[in-house]
């Protein structure tokens, strides 16, 4: 890999009032549909992670790489525009499974450049920056030269901490790019409603210190302060002990984990290492025996796909809030 409440709610109406062209004027390459002139709200210009693109019409043949990119389009009801997908971290949400099962899977992880181009996309949406690996021939500039527009999830190019404002931006810009701004607005409103319900329940509760254990042996790979993971923990009524780590994810020494005395370990569930194996790794380490979370066996779990900037943020806040504060009404 290598990832305000009031502000979000207040900005929702603007999803329907976005200008037809914004944030730049240089046109990007693409393959506009034959009826581009009839597409309402186009041309549309957007700057994403430093790349300015003008869309003459909504993309028709999208390839999604990484689970949260795929699920954003599915949540917006755009499965008929997805010509291929790649790289799941875990199971697609049940609500999206029927639509997902109709989409061609290009690769278990990232597709080769040849496979990607063979899908004939007019748009590629990457969840992680690794989706656009230049060494593999998938860099955004190179794809642009072949007439393929691209988008990278803004969790990986936002200079400061990522929160609900960035979730609103991601959903709004994707919905606007595909010509369905009203669907984006509805999705944002629903995410906000669910998050508000959790924060109301936990607002007066003590906030336990949480250490995120993604993976790692010689050091701990954890969630830093720049990713949405820290905001999810905060909204759920906890505090990330490595919120001061200036990265979305990063390695920290186990000595630092011991020093910060986390009361809860949040395990990210994905890949070939089970949650139980991760628990055992922590509990079997003598150096961690006096860490309060380990000593008290206080473990909580989230799927990795719920801890990144995508449509599972409300799911993550609901699940983690219930695990951190099970007695909250």
Protein backbone atom coordinates (compact mmCIF):
# COMPACT_ATOMS: atom_id res chain seq x y z
CA UNK A 1 0.00 0.00 0.00
CA UNK A 2 2.20 2.44 -1.09
CA UNK A 3 -4.38 5.96 2.25
CA UNK A 4 -16.00 18.57 10.38
CA UNK A 5 -19.08 16.76 10.32
CA UNK A 6 -20.77 20.20 10.13
CA UNK A 7 -18.63 21.20 7.20
CA UNK A 8 -19.58 18.10 5.26
CA UNK A 9 -23.28 18.53 5.88
CA UNK A 10 -23.18 22.22 5.06
CA UNK A 11 -21.47 21.59 1.74
CA UNK A 12 -23.81 18.87 0.51
CA UNK A 13 -26.13 21.20 -1.44
CA UNK A 14 -23.19 22.43 -3.49
CA UNK A 15 -22.88 19.01 -5.10
CA UNK A 16 -25.82 20.03 -7.22
CA UNK A 17 -24.47 23.50 -7.96
CA UNK A 18 -20.97 22.75 -9.19
CA UNK A 19 -19.85 24.90 -12.12
CA UNK A 20 -19.61 23.36 -15.54
CA UNK A 21 -15.90 24.08 -15.57
CA UNK A 22 -13.67 24.55 -12.54
CA UNK A 23 -10.10 24.45 -11.30
CA UNK A 24 -8.31 24.63 -14.64
CA UNK A 25 -8.68 25.08 -18.32
CA UNK A 26 -6.24 22.71 -20.01
CA UNK A 27 -8.15 19.92 -21.71
CA UNK A 28 -7.19 16.32 -21.03
CA UNK A 29 -7.34 13.53 -23.57
CA UNK A 30 -10.28 11.20 -23.66
CA UNK A 31 -12.77 9.33 -25.74
CA UNK A 32 -16.03 11.33 -25.54
CA UNK A 33 -19.23 9.54 -26.35
CA UNK A 34 -20.83 10.17 -29.72
CA UNK A 35 -23.58 12.18 -28.09
CA UNK A 36 -21.16 14.35 -26.06
CA UNK A 37 -22.89 17.55 -27.22
CA UNK A 38 -26.11 16.37 -25.61
CA UNK A 39 -24.55 15.50 -22.23
CA UNK A 40 -25.92 17.92 -19.62
CA UNK A 41 -23.37 19.70 -17.47
CA UNK A 42 -20.41 19.14 -19.78
CA UNK A 43 -17.68 20.03 -20.48
CA UNK A 44 -16.51 19.63 -16.89
CA UNK A 45 -12.97 20.41 -15.73
CA UNK A 46 -11.51 19.05 -12.51
CA UNK A 47 -8.04 19.07 -10.97
CA UNK A 48 -7.25 15.77 -9.25
CA UNK A 49 -3.91 15.28 -7.47
CA UNK A 50 -2.30 17.86 -9.72
CA UNK A 51 -3.76 16.56 -12.98
CA UNK A 52 -6.24 18.84 -14.75
CA UNK A 53 -8.75 17.06 -16.99
CA UNK A 54 -11.62 18.38 -19.04
CA UNK A 55 -14.39 15.86 -19.70
CA UNK A 56 -16.51 16.51 -22.76
CA UNK A 57 -18.88 13.74 -21.66
CA UNK A 58 -19.12 11.20 -18.83
CA UNK A 59 -16.77 8.20 -19.04
CA UNK A 60 -18.39 5.11 -20.51
CA UNK A 61 -15.70 2.42 -20.06
CA UNK A 62 -14.12 2.74 -16.62
CA UNK A 63 -11.58 0.43 -15.04
CA UNK A 64 -11.43 0.53 -11.24
CA UNK A 65 -8.30 -0.52 -9.38
CA UNK A 66 -8.53 -1.11 -5.62
CA UNK A 67 -11.66 -2.01 -3.77
CA UNK A 68 -12.69 1.40 -2.52
CA UNK A 69 -12.54 2.86 -6.04
CA UNK A 70 -14.76 0.03 -7.29
CA UNK A 71 -17.25 0.48 -4.46
CA UNK A 72 -17.52 4.25 -4.99
CA UNK A 73 -18.75 3.66 -8.54
CA UNK A 74 -21.05 0.84 -7.43
CA UNK A 75 -22.54 3.02 -4.69
CA UNK A 76 -23.27 5.63 -7.35
CA UNK A 77 -25.10 3.04 -9.45
CA UNK A 78 -22.49 3.10 -12.23
CA UNK A 79 -21.88 -0.62 -12.68
CA UNK A 80 -22.92 -0.34 -16.34
CA UNK A 81 -19.95 2.00 -16.90
CA UNK A 82 -17.33 -0.35 -15.41
CA UNK A 83 -15.60 -2.41 -18.07
CA UNK A 84 -13.17 -4.04 -15.64
CA UNK A 85 -11.96 -4.05 -12.05
CA UNK A 86 -8.94 -5.27 -10.11
CA UNK A 87 -7.46 -5.72 -6.63
CA UNK A 88 -9.92 -6.43 -3.82
CA UNK A 89 -8.70 -6.45 -0.21
CA UNK A 90 -11.71 -8.42 1.00
CA UNK A 91 -15.27 -9.24 0.01
CA UNK A 92 -17.34 -6.62 -1.76
CA UNK A 93 -20.22 -5.34 0.37
CA UNK A 94 -23.28 -7.61 0.04
CA UNK A 95 -25.40 -4.75 -1.32
CA UNK A 96 -22.98 -4.37 -4.24
CA UNK A 97 -22.29 -8.04 -4.89
CA UNK A 98 -24.92 -8.67 -7.59
CA UNK A 99 -23.65 -5.70 -9.60
CA UNK A 100 -20.00 -6.56 -8.98
CA UNK A 101 -20.45 -10.15 -10.12
CA UNK A 102 -21.35 -8.88 -13.60
CA UNK A 103 -18.07 -6.95 -13.93
CA UNK A 104 -15.00 -8.51 -15.51
CA UNK A 105 -12.11 -8.96 -13.09
CA UNK A 106 -8.93 -8.04 -14.95
CA UNK A 107 -6.48 -9.31 -12.32
CA UNK A 108 -6.37 -10.52 -8.73
CA UNK A 109 -3.99 -7.66 -7.98
CA UNK A 110 -2.95 -4.97 -10.46
CA UNK A 111 -3.30 -5.81 -14.16
CA UNK A 112 -0.34 -5.53 -16.49
CA UNK A 113 -0.30 -2.57 -18.83
CA UNK A 114 -1.26 -4.87 -21.70
CA UNK A 115 -4.27 -6.29 -19.84
CA UNK A 116 -5.34 -2.82 -18.75
CA UNK A 117 -5.17 -1.42 -22.27
CA UNK A 118 -6.89 -4.54 -23.59
CA UNK A 119 -10.00 -3.56 -21.63
CA UNK A 120 -10.14 -0.41 -23.81
CA UNK A 121 -10.95 1.99 -20.95
CA UNK A 122 -11.63 5.68 -21.34
CA UNK A 123 -11.14 6.22 -17.59
CA UNK A 124 -9.05 4.51 -14.89
CA UNK A 125 -9.84 5.12 -11.21
CA UNK A 126 -7.17 4.13 -8.69
CA UNK A 127 -7.71 3.84 -4.96
CA UNK A 128 -4.02 3.79 -3.96
CA UNK A 129 -1.12 5.60 -5.59
CA UNK A 130 0.39 2.19 -6.41
CA UNK A 131 -2.38 1.77 -8.99
CA UNK A 132 -0.47 4.20 -11.21
CA UNK A 133 3.00 2.65 -10.91
CA UNK A 134 5.24 4.15 -13.58
CA UNK A 135 7.61 1.19 -13.50
CA UNK A 136 4.71 -1.02 -14.55
CA UNK A 137 3.66 1.34 -17.34
CA UNK A 138 0.49 2.47 -15.61
CA UNK A 139 1.47 6.05 -14.74
CA UNK A 140 -1.18 8.71 -15.24
CA UNK A 141 0.86 10.71 -17.73
CA UNK A 142 1.51 7.66 -19.87
CA UNK A 143 -2.11 6.56 -19.81
CA UNK A 144 -3.13 10.10 -20.73
CA UNK A 145 -0.97 9.95 -23.84
CA UNK A 146 -2.98 6.92 -24.97
CA UNK A 147 -6.26 8.83 -24.55
CA UNK A 148 -7.21 7.44 -21.13
CA UNK A 149 -8.32 9.83 -18.41
CA UNK A 150 -7.47 8.94 -14.80
CA UNK A 151 -8.36 9.69 -11.20
CA UNK A 152 -6.51 8.92 -7.96
CA UNK A 153 -8.35 8.81 -4.63
CA UNK A 154 -7.45 12.09 -2.92
CA UNK A 155 -6.42 10.40 0.32
CA UNK A 156 -3.04 9.99 -1.37
CA UNK A 157 -2.46 13.59 -2.42
CA UNK A 158 -4.13 15.65 0.30
CA UNK A 159 -1.38 17.67 2.04
CA UNK A 160 -2.98 17.71 5.49
CA UNK A 161 -5.11 15.30 7.52
CA UNK A 162 -7.90 13.56 5.62
CA UNK A 163 -11.41 13.80 7.02
CA UNK A 164 -15.04 14.14 6.07
CA UNK A 165 -14.41 17.17 3.88
CA UNK A 166 -12.20 15.01 1.68
CA UNK A 167 -14.81 12.23 1.62
CA UNK A 168 -17.33 14.79 0.40
CA UNK A 169 -14.89 16.00 -2.26
CA UNK A 170 -14.10 12.50 -3.49
CA UNK A 171 -17.73 11.47 -3.86
CA UNK A 172 -18.81 14.81 -5.31
CA UNK A 173 -16.07 14.96 -7.96
CA UNK A 174 -16.53 11.34 -9.03
CA UNK A 175 -20.30 11.75 -9.27
CA UNK A 176 -19.86 14.99 -11.22
CA UNK A 177 -17.35 13.36 -13.60
CA UNK A 178 -19.89 10.65 -14.40
CA UNK A 179 -22.76 13.10 -14.80
CA UNK A 180 -24.71 11.97 -11.71
CA UNK A 181 -24.18 14.78 -9.16
CA UNK A 182 -27.56 14.15 -7.51
CA UNK A 183 -26.53 10.58 -6.66
CA UNK A 184 -23.37 11.88 -5.04
CA UNK A 185 -25.34 14.36 -2.94
CA UNK A 186 -27.68 11.62 -1.72
CA UNK A 187 -24.76 9.37 -0.84
CA UNK A 188 -23.03 12.12 1.14
CA UNK A 189 -26.21 12.90 3.05
CA UNK A 190 -26.67 9.24 4.01
CA UNK A 191 -23.05 8.86 5.12
CA UNK A 192 -23.39 12.00 7.25
CA UNK A 193 -26.66 10.89 8.83
CA UNK A 194 -25.18 7.59 9.94
CA UNK A 195 -21.97 9.16 11.25
CA UNK A 196 -23.89 11.79 13.21
CA UNK A 197 -25.91 9.07 14.94
CA UNK A 198 -22.72 7.41 16.20
CA UNK A 199 -20.99 10.59 17.33
CA UNK A 200 -24.09 11.58 19.28
CA UNK A 201 -24.00 8.25 21.15
CA UNK A 202 -20.32 8.38 22.09
CA UNK A 203 -19.75 12.12 22.61
CA UNK A 204 -19.70 11.92 26.44
CA UNK A 205 -17.67 8.72 26.68
CA UNK A 206 -14.01 8.47 27.65
CA UNK A 207 -11.86 8.19 24.52
CA UNK A 208 -9.56 5.14 24.71
CA UNK A 209 -6.07 5.33 23.21
CA UNK A 210 -6.05 3.18 20.06
CA UNK A 211 -3.08 1.58 18.30
CA UNK A 212 -3.78 0.42 14.74
CA UNK A 213 -2.00 -2.81 13.85
CA UNK A 214 -2.03 -3.32 10.13
CA UNK A 215 0.94 -5.68 9.92
CA UNK A 216 4.62 -5.99 10.72
CA UNK A 217 7.20 -8.05 12.59
CA UNK A 218 10.41 -6.08 13.04
CA UNK A 219 8.37 -2.88 13.24
CA UNK A 220 4.69 -2.06 13.35
CA UNK A 221 2.94 -0.86 10.20
CA UNK A 222 0.23 1.44 11.47
CA UNK A 223 -2.26 4.15 10.53
CA UNK A 224 -0.87 7.68 10.68
CA UNK A 225 -2.47 11.06 11.07
CA UNK A 226 -2.85 11.94 7.38
CA UNK A 227 -5.31 9.18 6.48
CA UNK A 228 -9.04 8.86 7.04
CA UNK A 229 -8.28 6.09 9.56
CA UNK A 230 -7.49 8.61 12.30
CA UNK A 231 -10.72 10.50 11.63
CA UNK A 232 -12.71 7.24 11.77
CA UNK A 233 -11.21 6.43 15.17
CA UNK A 234 -12.03 9.93 16.43
CA UNK A 235 -15.62 9.87 15.16
CA UNK A 236 -16.08 6.46 16.78
CA UNK A 237 -14.99 7.79 20.16
CA UNK A 238 -11.30 6.89 20.31
CA UNK A 239 -7.89 8.53 19.83
CA UNK A 240 -5.18 7.24 17.51
CA UNK A 241 -1.90 7.05 19.47
CA UNK A 242 0.02 7.68 16.23
CA UNK A 243 -2.06 10.59 14.98
CA UNK A 244 1.21 12.56 14.93
CA UNK A 245 2.71 10.26 12.29
CA UNK A 246 2.93 12.43 9.18
CA UNK A 247 1.73 9.82 6.71
CA UNK A 248 -1.35 7.83 5.79
CA UNK A 249 0.38 4.61 6.83
CA UNK A 250 3.87 4.13 8.19
CA UNK A 251 6.29 1.96 10.16
CA UNK A 252 6.95 2.68 13.84
CA UNK A 253 9.28 0.96 16.29
CA UNK A 254 7.68 -1.38 18.79
CA UNK A 255 9.37 0.65 21.52
CA UNK A 256 7.16 3.57 20.47
CA UNK A 257 4.06 1.40 20.75
CA UNK A 258 5.10 0.40 24.27
CA UNK A 259 5.78 4.01 25.25
CA UNK A 260 2.34 5.20 24.15
CA UNK A 261 0.47 2.59 26.23
CA UNK A 262 -2.53 2.02 23.94
CA UNK A 263 -5.67 0.78 25.67
CA UNK A 264 -7.10 -0.80 22.51
CA UNK A 265 -5.53 -2.47 19.47
CA UNK A 266 -7.44 -1.98 16.22
CA UNK A 267 -6.53 -4.76 13.79
CA UNK A 268 -7.00 -4.22 10.07
CA UNK A 269 -8.32 -7.41 8.53
CA UNK A 270 -7.16 -8.26 5.00
CA UNK A 271 -4.88 -10.48 2.99
CA UNK A 272 -3.41 -13.85 3.95
CA UNK A 273 -2.71 -13.14 7.64
CA UNK A 274 -5.78 -13.76 9.78
CA UNK A 275 -6.97 -11.54 12.61
CA UNK A 276 -6.27 -14.37 15.04
CA UNK A 277 -2.70 -14.67 13.79
CA UNK A 278 -2.19 -10.95 14.29
CA UNK A 279 -3.58 -11.18 17.84
CA UNK A 280 -1.25 -14.07 18.64
CA UNK A 281 1.74 -12.18 17.28
CA UNK A 282 1.03 -9.36 19.73
CA UNK A 283 0.16 -11.55 22.71
CA UNK A 284 3.19 -13.81 22.24
CA UNK A 285 5.67 -10.92 22.23
CA UNK A 286 7.10 -10.62 25.77
CA UNK A 287 8.03 -6.99 25.12
CA UNK A 288 4.35 -6.12 24.71
CA UNK A 289 3.10 -8.01 27.76
CA UNK A 290 2.52 -4.86 29.85
CA UNK A 291 0.92 -2.80 27.09
CA UNK A 292 -2.60 -2.24 28.49
CA UNK A 293 -4.41 -3.32 25.30
CA UNK A 294 -2.42 -6.54 25.05
CA UNK A 295 -2.48 -7.29 28.76
CA UNK A 296 -6.27 -6.86 28.82
CA UNK A 297 -6.76 -8.54 25.42
CA UNK A 298 -8.66 -5.51 24.19
CA UNK A 299 -8.81 -6.01 20.43
CA UNK A 300 -11.20 -4.54 17.88
CA UNK A 301 -11.32 -5.21 14.14
CA UNK A 302 -12.11 -3.41 10.89
CA UNK A 303 -11.74 -4.64 7.32
CA UNK A 304 -8.97 -2.66 5.62
CA UNK A 305 -11.44 -1.63 2.92
CA UNK A 306 -13.47 0.17 5.60
CA UNK A 307 -10.50 2.19 6.84
CA UNK A 308 -9.74 4.08 3.62
CA UNK A 309 -11.41 7.04 1.91
CA UNK A 310 -14.49 5.50 0.33
CA UNK A 311 -18.13 4.70 0.82
CA UNK A 312 -17.50 2.49 3.86
CA UNK A 313 -16.57 5.36 6.18
CA UNK A 314 -19.99 5.33 7.83
CA UNK A 315 -19.83 1.53 8.11
CA UNK A 316 -16.44 1.85 9.80
CA UNK A 317 -17.60 4.52 12.26
CA UNK A 318 -20.68 2.47 13.18
CA UNK A 319 -18.72 -0.75 13.63
CA UNK A 320 -15.80 0.77 15.54
CA UNK A 321 -18.07 2.93 17.69
CA UNK A 322 -19.96 -0.20 18.76
CA UNK A 323 -16.74 -2.05 19.53
CA UNK A 324 -15.11 0.79 21.48
CA UNK A 325 -18.29 1.69 23.36
CA UNK A 326 -20.50 -1.41 23.41
CA UNK A 327 -22.65 0.01 26.19
CA UNK A 328 -23.48 3.23 24.33
CA UNK A 329 -27.19 3.33 23.53
